[in-house]
Amino acid sequence: MPPKNLRRVTTYVLPEIAKALEEWADKDERSVSWLAGKLIEKGVQEHQSQEQQQASAREVKE
């Protein structure tokens, strides 16, 4: 059972993306929801890392 502090996010994807996610999740014996959550988590982490790098680069220039 997932932790109770998780928030639901609904999204729409193209059929070919949904099929690819389903195949990937099935191969990894995971749910599409779990896989999508992990992909979103990774994307957010990468975005935050880029933001920090850009902020550091601006500080160095100043």
Protein backbone atom coordinates (compact mmCIF):
# COMPACT_ATOMS: atom_id res chain seq x y z
CA MET A 1 0.00 0.00 0.00
CA PRO A 2 1.45 3.42 -0.95
CA PRO A 3 2.29 5.98 1.71
CA LYS A 4 -0.67 8.13 2.69
CA ASN A 5 1.14 11.41 2.01
CA LEU A 6 1.26 10.91 -1.78
CA ARG A 7 -0.72 13.26 -4.02
CA ARG A 8 -2.56 12.16 -7.13
CA VAL A 9 -1.60 13.73 -10.47
CA THR A 10 -3.61 13.02 -13.60
CA THR A 11 -2.12 13.35 -17.07
CA TYR A 12 -2.93 12.42 -20.65
CA VAL A 13 -0.44 10.87 -23.05
CA LEU A 14 -0.49 9.75 -26.65
CA PRO A 15 -1.51 6.12 -27.20
CA GLU A 16 1.99 5.13 -28.30
CA ILE A 17 3.48 6.59 -25.10
CA ALA A 18 0.89 4.74 -22.99
CA LYS A 19 1.73 1.49 -24.80
CA ALA A 20 5.47 2.02 -24.26
CA LEU A 21 4.87 2.72 -20.55
CA GLU A 22 2.70 -0.38 -20.21
CA GLU A 23 5.35 -2.57 -21.87
CA TRP A 24 8.14 -1.08 -19.75
CA ALA A 25 6.16 -1.46 -16.53
CA ASP A 26 5.21 -5.03 -17.41
CA LYS A 27 8.83 -5.91 -18.18
CA ASP A 28 9.92 -4.49 -14.81
CA GLU A 29 6.95 -6.12 -13.03
CA ARG A 30 5.73 -2.71 -11.84
CA SER A 31 2.57 -0.72 -12.37
CA VAL A 32 2.36 2.06 -14.93
CA SER A 33 1.53 4.40 -12.06
CA TRP A 34 4.72 3.47 -10.19
CA LEU A 35 6.82 3.86 -13.34
CA ALA A 36 5.27 7.21 -14.21
CA GLY A 37 5.84 8.43 -10.67
CA LYS A 38 9.52 7.43 -10.80
CA LEU A 39 9.97 9.11 -14.19
CA ILE A 40 8.36 12.30 -12.90
CA GLU A 41 10.52 12.17 -9.77
CA LYS A 42 13.68 11.83 -11.87
CA GLY A 43 12.60 14.68 -14.16
CA VAL A 44 11.94 16.98 -11.20
CA GLN A 45 15.31 16.10 -9.64
CA GLU A 46 17.10 16.84 -12.93
CA HIS A 47 15.23 20.13 -13.30
CA GLN A 48 16.10 21.18 -9.75
CA SER A 49 19.75 20.27 -10.34
CA GLN A 50 19.84 22.39 -13.50
CA GLU A 51 18.21 25.28 -11.65
CA GLN A 52 20.88 25.06 -8.92
CA GLN A 53 23.67 24.96 -11.51
CA GLN A 54 22.25 28.01 -13.28
CA ALA A 55 21.91 29.89 -9.98
CA SER A 56 25.51 29.04 -9.09
CA ALA A 57 26.69 30.18 -12.51
CA ARG A 58 24.84 33.52 -12.08
CA GLU A 59 26.45 34.01 -8.65
CA VAL A 60 29.91 33.42 -10.10
CA LYS A 61 29.30 36.03 -12.82
CA GLU A 62 28.22 38.66 -10.28
